[in-house]
Amino acid sequence: MAQMNISVPDGLKNWADQRVADGRYASTSDYIRDLVRRDQDEAGELAWLQAEVDKGRASPIDPRTPSQVIRDVVAEYHVKDV
């Protein structure tokens, strides 16, 4: 496993130490690893979301009105009482 040394202000160190003292993490290293993993997950989710937005922006404009879209969805999924 690679090793990394970081410097943080006292307030951040105290925060991390408190998280460990609360019993949520075994060590400050465990806490930092969890933060990095969460950041990785969030970056992946944001990349997926941005790709979906890009696909939507690149797609043609639907000529139907919003009411027509709703009627079509209701008909497609056989939704009752909308």
PDB file of N, CA and C in Angstrom:
ATOM      1  N   MET A   1       0.850  -1.167   0.000  1.00  0.00           N
ATOM      2  CA  MET A   1       0.000   0.000   0.000  1.00  0.00           C
ATOM      3  C   MET A   1       0.900   1.236   0.000  1.00  0.00           C
ATOM      4  N   ALA A   2       0.533   2.218  -0.800  1.00  0.00           N
ATOM      5  CA  ALA A   2       1.302   3.456  -0.875  1.00  0.00           C
ATOM      6  C   ALA A   2       1.082   4.286   0.381  1.00  0.00           C
ATOM      7  N   GLN A   3       2.072   5.095   0.701  1.00  0.00           N
ATOM      8  CA  GLN A   3       1.961   5.959   1.867  1.00  0.00           C
ATOM      9  C   GLN A   3       1.909   7.404   1.407  1.00  0.00           C
ATOM     10  N   MET A   4       1.151   8.219   2.145  1.00  0.00           N
ATOM     11  CA  MET A   4       0.978   9.616   1.796  1.00  0.00           C
ATOM     12  C   MET A   4       1.025  10.435   3.084  1.00  0.00           C
ATOM     13  N   ASN A   5       1.779  11.495   3.068  1.00  0.00           N
ATOM     14  CA  ASN A   5       1.835  12.391   4.220  1.00  0.00           C
ATOM     15  C   ASN A   5       1.168  13.696   3.827  1.00  0.00           C
ATOM     16  N   ILE A   6       0.277  14.179   4.687  1.00  0.00           N
ATOM     17  CA  ILE A   6      -0.420  15.433   4.399  1.00  0.00           C
ATOM     18  C   ILE A   6      -0.315  16.368   5.598  1.00  0.00           C
ATOM     19  N   SER A   7      -0.427  17.648   5.317  1.00  0.00           N
ATOM     20  CA  SER A   7      -0.481  18.660   6.375  1.00  0.00           C
ATOM     21  C   SER A   7      -1.852  19.307   6.319  1.00  0.00           C
ATOM     22  N   VAL A   8      -2.462  19.446   7.494  1.00  0.00           N
ATOM     23  CA  VAL A   8      -3.780  20.083   7.582  1.00  0.00           C
ATOM     24  C   VAL A   8      -3.764  21.058   8.749  1.00  0.00           C
ATOM     25  N   PRO A   9      -4.642  22.056   8.695  1.00  0.00           N
ATOM     26  CA  PRO A   9      -4.749  22.964   9.847  1.00  0.00           C
ATOM     27  C   PRO A   9      -5.224  22.200  11.089  1.00  0.00           C
ATOM     28  N   ASP A  10      -4.931  22.767  12.248  1.00  0.00           N
ATOM     29  CA  ASP A  10      -5.297  22.119  13.509  1.00  0.00           C
ATOM     30  C   ASP A  10      -6.786  21.782  13.577  1.00  0.00           C
ATOM     31  N   GLY A  11      -7.623  22.675  13.077  1.00  0.00           N
ATOM     32  CA  GLY A  11      -9.061  22.434  13.130  1.00  0.00           C
ATOM     33  C   GLY A  11      -9.473  21.181  12.364  1.00  0.00           C
ATOM     34  N   LEU A  12      -8.865  20.960  11.208  1.00  0.00           N
ATOM     35  CA  LEU A  12      -9.184  19.749  10.435  1.00  0.00           C
ATOM     36  C   LEU A  12      -8.643  18.489  11.107  1.00  0.00           C
ATOM     37  N   LYS A  13      -7.458  18.584  11.678  1.00  0.00           N
ATOM     38  CA  LYS A  13      -6.917  17.430  12.396  1.00  0.00           C
ATOM     39  C   LYS A  13      -7.804  17.091  13.581  1.00  0.00           C
ATOM     40  N   ASN A  14      -8.227  18.119  14.313  1.00  0.00           N
ATOM     41  CA  ASN A  14      -9.122  17.878  15.453  1.00  0.00           C
ATOM     42  C   ASN A  14     -10.427  17.231  14.998  1.00  0.00           C
ATOM     43  N   TRP A  15     -10.944  17.680  13.873  1.00  0.00           N
ATOM     44  CA  TRP A  15     -12.182  17.098  13.331  1.00  0.00           C
ATOM     45  C   TRP A  15     -11.975  15.610  13.028  1.00  0.00           C
ATOM     46  N   ALA A  16     -10.892  15.298  12.319  1.00  0.00           N
ATOM     47  CA  ALA A  16     -10.612  13.901  11.966  1.00  0.00           C
ATOM     48  C   ALA A  16     -10.409  13.068  13.228  1.00  0.00           C
ATOM     49  N   ASP A  17      -9.666  13.606  14.191  1.00  0.00           N
ATOM     50  CA  ASP A  17      -9.451  12.876  15.439  1.00  0.00           C
ATOM     51  C   ASP A  17     -10.776  12.618  16.165  1.00  0.00           C
ATOM     52  N   GLN A  18     -11.683  13.583  16.106  1.00  0.00           N
ATOM     53  CA  GLN A  18     -12.987  13.410  16.756  1.00  0.00           C
ATOM     54  C   GLN A  18     -13.803  12.319  16.073  1.00  0.00           C
ATOM     55  N   ARG A  19     -13.726  12.246  14.749  1.00  0.00           N
ATOM     56  CA  ARG A  19     -14.439  11.188  14.018  1.00  0.00           C
ATOM     57  C   ARG A  19     -13.942   9.816  14.465  1.00  0.00           C
ATOM     58  N   VAL A  20     -12.646   9.710  14.665  1.00  0.00           N
ATOM     59  CA  VAL A  20     -12.071   8.446  15.146  1.00  0.00           C
ATOM     60  C   VAL A  20     -12.532   8.191  16.581  1.00  0.00           C
ATOM     61  N   ALA A  21     -12.486   9.218  17.413  1.00  0.00           N
ATOM     62  CA  ALA A  21     -12.905   9.067  18.817  1.00  0.00           C
ATOM     63  C   ALA A  21     -14.376   8.676  18.933  1.00  0.00           C
ATOM     64  N   ASP A  22     -15.185   9.129  17.987  1.00  0.00           N
ATOM     65  CA  ASP A  22     -16.614   8.778  17.986  1.00  0.00           C
ATOM     66  C   ASP A  22     -16.838   7.307  17.661  1.00  0.00           C
ATOM     67  N   GLY A  23     -15.805   6.632  17.188  1.00  0.00           N
ATOM     68  CA  GLY A  23     -15.906   5.206  16.893  1.00  0.00           C
ATOM     69  C   GLY A  23     -16.337   4.879  15.480  1.00  0.00           C
ATOM     70  N   ARG A  24     -16.474   5.893  14.651  1.00  0.00           N
ATOM     71  CA  ARG A  24     -16.894   5.635  13.273  1.00  0.00           C
ATOM     72  C   ARG A  24     -15.754   5.102  12.420  1.00  0.00           C
ATOM     73  N   TYR A  25     -14.523   5.389  12.828  1.00  0.00           N
ATOM     74  CA  TYR A  25     -13.346   4.973  12.068  1.00  0.00           C
ATOM     75  C   TYR A  25     -12.299   4.427  13.027  1.00  0.00           C
ATOM     76  N   ALA A  26     -11.495   3.500  12.531  1.00  0.00           N
ATOM     77  CA  ALA A  26     -10.454   2.887  13.353  1.00  0.00           C
ATOM     78  C   ALA A  26      -9.247   3.805  13.523  1.00  0.00           C
ATOM     79  N   SER A  27      -9.033   4.673  12.530  1.00  0.00           N
ATOM     80  CA  SER A  27      -7.873   5.568  12.570  1.00  0.00           C
ATOM     81  C   SER A  27      -8.129   6.749  11.649  1.00  0.00           C
ATOM     82  N   THR A  28      -7.294   7.777  11.756  1.00  0.00           N
ATOM     83  CA  THR A  28      -7.434   8.904  10.845  1.00  0.00           C
ATOM     84  C   THR A  28      -7.155   8.467   9.414  1.00  0.00           C
ATOM     85  N   SER A  29      -6.263   7.508   9.228  1.00  0.00           N
ATOM     86  CA  SER A  29      -6.011   6.987   7.882  1.00  0.00           C
ATOM     87  C   SER A  29      -7.259   6.343   7.305  1.00  0.00           C
ATOM     88  N   ASP A  30      -7.970   5.594   8.140  1.00  0.00           N
ATOM     89  CA  ASP A  30      -9.226   4.966   7.714  1.00  0.00           C
ATOM     90  C   ASP A  30     -10.235   6.034   7.313  1.00  0.00           C
ATOM     91  N   TYR A  31     -10.310   7.113   8.080  1.00  0.00           N
ATOM     92  CA  TYR A  31     -11.210   8.223   7.785  1.00  0.00           C
ATOM     93  C   TYR A  31     -10.851   8.874   6.451  1.00  0.00           C
ATOM     94  N   ILE A  32      -9.587   9.166   6.234  1.00  0.00           N
ATOM     95  CA  ILE A  32      -9.142   9.797   4.987  1.00  0.00           C
ATOM     96  C   ILE A  32      -9.408   8.878   3.794  1.00  0.00           C
ATOM     97  N   ARG A  33      -9.140   7.581   3.942  1.00  0.00           N
ATOM     98  CA  ARG A  33      -9.439   6.632   2.849  1.00  0.00           C
ATOM     99  C   ARG A  33     -10.918   6.669   2.494  1.00  0.00           C
ATOM    100  N   ASP A  34     -11.793   6.733   3.515  1.00  0.00           N
ATOM    101  CA  ASP A  34     -13.229   6.790   3.267  1.00  0.00           C
ATOM    102  C   ASP A  34     -13.597   8.073   2.520  1.00  0.00           C
ATOM    103  N   LEU A  35     -13.005   9.195   2.907  1.00  0.00           N
ATOM    104  CA  LEU A  35     -13.280  10.456   2.217  1.00  0.00           C
ATOM    105  C   LEU A  35     -12.870  10.384   0.746  1.00  0.00           C
ATOM    106  N   VAL A  36     -11.700   9.803   0.485  1.00  0.00           N
ATOM    107  CA  VAL A  36     -11.230   9.702  -0.900  1.00  0.00           C
ATOM    108  C   VAL A  36     -12.133   8.771  -1.702  1.00  0.00           C
ATOM    109  N   ARG A  37     -12.538   7.650  -1.115  1.00  0.00           N
ATOM    110  CA  ARG A  37     -13.459   6.731  -1.815  1.00  0.00           C
ATOM    111  C   ARG A  37     -14.778   7.420  -2.141  1.00  0.00           C
ATOM    112  N   ARG A  38     -15.315   8.168  -1.183  1.00  0.00           N
ATOM    113  CA  ARG A  38     -16.575   8.882  -1.426  1.00  0.00           C
ATOM    114  C   ARG A  38     -16.408   9.910  -2.536  1.00  0.00           C
ATOM    115  N   ASP A  39     -15.276  10.588  -2.554  1.00  0.00           N
ATOM    116  CA  ASP A  39     -15.007  11.563  -3.607  1.00  0.00           C
ATOM    117  C   ASP A  39     -14.921  10.872  -4.964  1.00  0.00           C
ATOM    118  N   GLN A  40     -14.283   9.705  -5.014  1.00  0.00           N
ATOM    119  CA  GLN A  40     -14.216   8.933  -6.260  1.00  0.00           C
ATOM    120  C   GLN A  40     -15.613   8.557  -6.727  1.00  0.00           C
ATOM    121  N   ASP A  41     -16.440   8.070  -5.815  1.00  0.00           N
ATOM    122  CA  ASP A  41     -17.815   7.684  -6.166  1.00  0.00           C
ATOM    123  C   ASP A  41     -18.585   8.886  -6.706  1.00  0.00           C
ATOM    124  N   GLU A  42     -18.461  10.017  -6.018  1.00  0.00           N
ATOM    125  CA  GLU A  42     -19.177  11.216  -6.443  1.00  0.00           C
ATOM    126  C   GLU A  42     -18.703  11.679  -7.819  1.00  0.00           C
ATOM    127  N   ALA A  43     -17.400  11.611  -8.063  1.00  0.00           N
ATOM    128  CA  ALA A  43     -16.866  12.015  -9.370  1.00  0.00           C
ATOM    129  C   ALA A  43     -17.416  11.109 -10.469  1.00  0.00           C
ATOM    130  N   GLY A  44     -17.534   9.810 -10.181  1.00  0.00           N
ATOM    131  CA  GLY A  44     -18.097   8.884 -11.159  1.00  0.00           C
ATOM    132  C   GLY A  44     -19.557   9.184 -11.443  1.00  0.00           C
ATOM    133  N   GLU A  45     -20.309   9.475 -10.396  1.00  0.00           N
ATOM    134  CA  GLU A  45     -21.729   9.807 -10.572  1.00  0.00           C
ATOM    135  C   GLU A  45     -21.893  11.109 -11.346  1.00  0.00           C
ATOM    136  N   LEU A  46     -21.057  12.090 -11.052  1.00  0.00           N
ATOM    137  CA  LEU A  46     -21.131  13.357 -11.772  1.00  0.00           C
ATOM    138  C   LEU A  46     -20.747  13.180 -13.240  1.00  0.00           C
ATOM    139  N   ALA A  47     -19.764  12.331 -13.506  1.00  0.00           N
ATOM    140  CA  ALA A  47     -19.366  12.072 -14.897  1.00  0.00           C
ATOM    141  C   ALA A  47     -20.518  11.415 -15.652  1.00  0.00           C
ATOM    142  N   TRP A  48     -21.198  10.458 -15.017  1.00  0.00           N
ATOM    143  CA  TRP A  48     -22.343   9.809 -15.651  1.00  0.00           C
ATOM    144  C   TRP A  48     -23.440  10.840 -15.925  1.00  0.00           C
ATOM    145  N   LEU A  49     -23.737  11.671 -14.926  1.00  0.00           N
ATOM    146  CA  LEU A  49     -24.779  12.673 -15.078  1.00  0.00           C
ATOM    147  C   LEU A  49     -24.437  13.652 -16.198  1.00  0.00           C
ATOM    148  N   GLN A  50     -23.186  14.087 -16.251  1.00  0.00           N
ATOM    149  CA  GLN A  50     -22.784  15.014 -17.307  1.00  0.00           C
ATOM    150  C   GLN A  50     -22.916  14.358 -18.674  1.00  0.00           C
ATOM    151  N   ALA A  51     -22.574  13.076 -18.786  1.00  0.00           N
ATOM    152  CA  ALA A  51     -22.722  12.359 -20.056  1.00  0.00           C
ATOM    153  C   ALA A  51     -24.191  12.298 -20.468  1.00  0.00           C
ATOM    154  N   GLU A  52     -25.094  12.078 -19.509  1.00  0.00           N
ATOM    155  CA  GLU A  52     -26.524  12.043 -19.806  1.00  0.00           C
ATOM    156  C   GLU A  52     -27.023  13.414 -20.254  1.00  0.00           C
ATOM    157  N   VAL A  53     -26.552  14.472 -19.594  1.00  0.00           N
ATOM    158  CA  VAL A  53     -26.922  15.834 -19.996  1.00  0.00           C
ATOM    159  C   VAL A  53     -26.418  16.103 -21.409  1.00  0.00           C
ATOM    160  N   ASP A  54     -25.184  15.701 -21.683  1.00  0.00           N
ATOM    161  CA  ASP A  54     -24.621  15.908 -23.017  1.00  0.00           C
ATOM    162  C   ASP A  54     -25.428  15.166 -24.084  1.00  0.00           C
ATOM    163  N   LYS A  55     -25.851  13.929 -23.762  1.00  0.00           N
ATOM    164  CA  LYS A  55     -26.680  13.181 -24.717  1.00  0.00           C
ATOM    165  C   LYS A  55     -27.994  13.902 -24.962  1.00  0.00           C
ATOM    166  N   GLY A  56     -28.594  14.390 -23.887  1.00  0.00           N
ATOM    167  CA  GLY A  56     -29.859  15.102 -24.023  1.00  0.00           C
ATOM    168  C   GLY A  56     -29.714  16.372 -24.848  1.00  0.00           C
ATOM    169  N   ARG A  57     -28.659  17.104 -24.620  1.00  0.00           N
ATOM    170  CA  ARG A  57     -28.451  18.349 -25.362  1.00  0.00           C
ATOM    171  C   ARG A  57     -28.149  18.081 -26.834  1.00  0.00           C
ATOM    172  N   ALA A  58     -27.563  16.926 -27.130  1.00  0.00           N
ATOM    173  CA  ALA A  58     -27.231  16.589 -28.508  1.00  0.00           C
ATOM    174  C   ALA A  58     -28.418  15.977 -29.259  1.00  0.00           C
ATOM    175  N   SER A  59     -29.447  15.584 -28.524  1.00  0.00           N
ATOM    176  CA  SER A  59     -30.594  14.940 -29.177  1.00  0.00           C
ATOM    177  C   SER A  59     -31.502  16.006 -29.799  1.00  0.00           C
ATOM    178  N   PRO A  60     -32.283  15.592 -30.799  1.00  0.00           N
ATOM    179  CA  PRO A  60     -33.177  16.565 -31.440  1.00  0.00           C
ATOM    180  C   PRO A  60     -34.302  16.989 -30.495  1.00  0.00           C
ATOM    181  N   ILE A  61     -34.856  18.144 -30.771  1.00  0.00           N
ATOM    182  CA  ILE A  61     -35.964  18.664 -29.980  1.00  0.00           C
ATOM    183  C   ILE A  61     -37.236  17.907 -30.354  1.00  0.00           C
ATOM    184  N   ASP A  62     -37.978  17.490 -29.341  1.00  0.00           N
ATOM    185  CA  ASP A  62     -39.237  16.773 -29.558  1.00  0.00           C
ATOM    186  C   ASP A  62     -40.294  17.785 -29.999  1.00  0.00           C
ATOM    187  N   PRO A  63     -40.928  17.554 -31.144  1.00  0.00           N
ATOM    188  CA  PRO A  63     -41.906  18.526 -31.638  1.00  0.00           C
ATOM    189  C   PRO A  63     -43.233  18.499 -30.880  1.00  0.00           C
ATOM    190  N   ARG A  64     -43.438  17.497 -30.019  1.00  0.00           N
ATOM    191  CA  ARG A  64     -44.706  17.394 -29.297  1.00  0.00           C
ATOM    192  C   ARG A  64     -44.800  18.438 -28.194  1.00  0.00           C
ATOM    193  N   THR A  65     -46.021  18.795 -27.850  1.00  0.00           N
ATOM    194  CA  THR A  65     -46.249  19.684 -26.716  1.00  0.00           C
ATOM    195  C   THR A  65     -46.125  18.854 -25.435  1.00  0.00           C
ATOM    196  N   PRO A  66     -45.944  19.504 -24.304  1.00  0.00           N
ATOM    197  CA  PRO A  66     -45.899  18.742 -23.049  1.00  0.00           C
ATOM    198  C   PRO A  66     -47.151  17.890 -22.833  1.00  0.00           C
ATOM    199  N   SER A  67     -48.301  18.406 -23.190  1.00  0.00           N
ATOM    200  CA  SER A  67     -49.543  17.637 -23.041  1.00  0.00           C
ATOM    201  C   SER A  67     -49.516  16.380 -23.898  1.00  0.00           C
ATOM    202  N   GLN A  68     -48.986  16.500 -25.114  1.00  0.00           N
ATOM    203  CA  GLN A  68     -48.896  15.333 -25.984  1.00  0.00           C
ATOM    204  C   GLN A  68     -47.934  14.293 -25.414  1.00  0.00           C
ATOM    205  N   VAL A  69     -46.839  14.759 -24.866  1.00  0.00           N
ATOM    206  CA  VAL A  69     -45.875  13.834 -24.260  1.00  0.00           C
ATOM    207  C   VAL A  69     -46.535  13.073 -23.118  1.00  0.00           C
ATOM    208  N   ILE A  70     -47.264  13.766 -22.278  1.00  0.00           N
ATOM    209  CA  ILE A  70     -47.946  13.113 -21.158  1.00  0.00           C
ATOM    210  C   ILE A  70     -48.957  12.103 -21.661  1.00  0.00           C
ATOM    211  N   ARG A  71     -49.747  12.477 -22.670  1.00  0.00           N
ATOM    212  CA  ARG A  71     -50.719  11.530 -23.226  1.00  0.00           C
ATOM    213  C   ARG A  71     -50.024  10.295 -23.788  1.00  0.00           C
ATOM    214  N   ASP A  72     -48.916  10.492 -24.476  1.00  0.00           N
ATOM    215  CA  ASP A  72     -48.187   9.359 -25.056  1.00  0.00           C
ATOM    216  C   ASP A  72     -47.618   8.438 -23.975  1.00  0.00           C
ATOM    217  N   VAL A  73     -47.098   9.028 -22.900  1.00  0.00           N
ATOM    218  CA  VAL A  73     -46.557   8.211 -21.807  1.00  0.00           C
ATOM    219  C   VAL A  73     -47.680   7.442 -21.133  1.00  0.00           C
ATOM    220  N   VAL A  74     -48.786   8.101 -20.882  1.00  0.00           N
ATOM    221  CA  VAL A  74     -49.932   7.438 -20.269  1.00  0.00           C
ATOM    222  C   VAL A  74     -50.403   6.289 -21.157  1.00  0.00           C
ATOM    223  N   ALA A  75     -50.497   6.523 -22.459  1.00  0.00           N
ATOM    224  CA  ALA A  75     -50.940   5.460 -23.375  1.00  0.00           C
ATOM    225  C   ALA A  75     -49.931   4.321 -23.414  1.00  0.00           C
ATOM    226  N   GLU A  76     -48.646   4.640 -23.410  1.00  0.00           N
ATOM    227  CA  GLU A  76     -47.603   3.605 -23.509  1.00  0.00           C
ATOM    228  C   GLU A  76     -47.585   2.704 -22.292  1.00  0.00           C
ATOM    229  N   TYR A  77     -47.784   3.287 -21.115  1.00  0.00           N
ATOM    230  CA  TYR A  77     -47.694   2.503 -19.892  1.00  0.00           C
ATOM    231  C   TYR A  77     -49.069   2.157 -19.324  1.00  0.00           C
ATOM    232  N   HIS A  78     -50.099   2.451 -20.072  1.00  0.00           N
ATOM    233  CA  HIS A  78     -51.461   2.129 -19.663  1.00  0.00           C
ATOM    234  C   HIS A  78     -51.781   2.659 -18.272  1.00  0.00           C
ATOM    235  N   VAL A  79     -51.343   3.874 -18.027  1.00  0.00           N
ATOM    236  CA  VAL A  79     -51.599   4.510 -16.739  1.00  0.00           C
ATOM    237  C   VAL A  79     -53.039   4.963 -16.693  1.00  0.00           C
ATOM    238  N   LYS A  80     -53.704   4.742 -15.571  1.00  0.00           N
ATOM    239  CA  LYS A  80     -55.109   5.144 -15.419  1.00  0.00           C
ATOM    240  C   LYS A  80     -55.200   6.314 -14.453  1.00  0.00           C
ATOM    241  N   ASP A  81     -56.169   7.159 -14.654  1.00  0.00           N
ATOM    242  CA  ASP A  81     -56.494   8.266 -13.765  1.00  0.00           C
ATOM    243  C   ASP A  81     -55.302   9.202 -13.537  1.00  0.00           C
ATOM    244  N   VAL A  82     -54.832   9.836 -14.594  1.00  0.00           N
ATOM    245  CA  VAL A  82     -53.750  10.818 -14.436  1.00  0.00           C
ATOM    246  C   VAL A  82     -54.332  12.176 -14.204  1.00  0.00           C
TER     247      VAL A  82
END
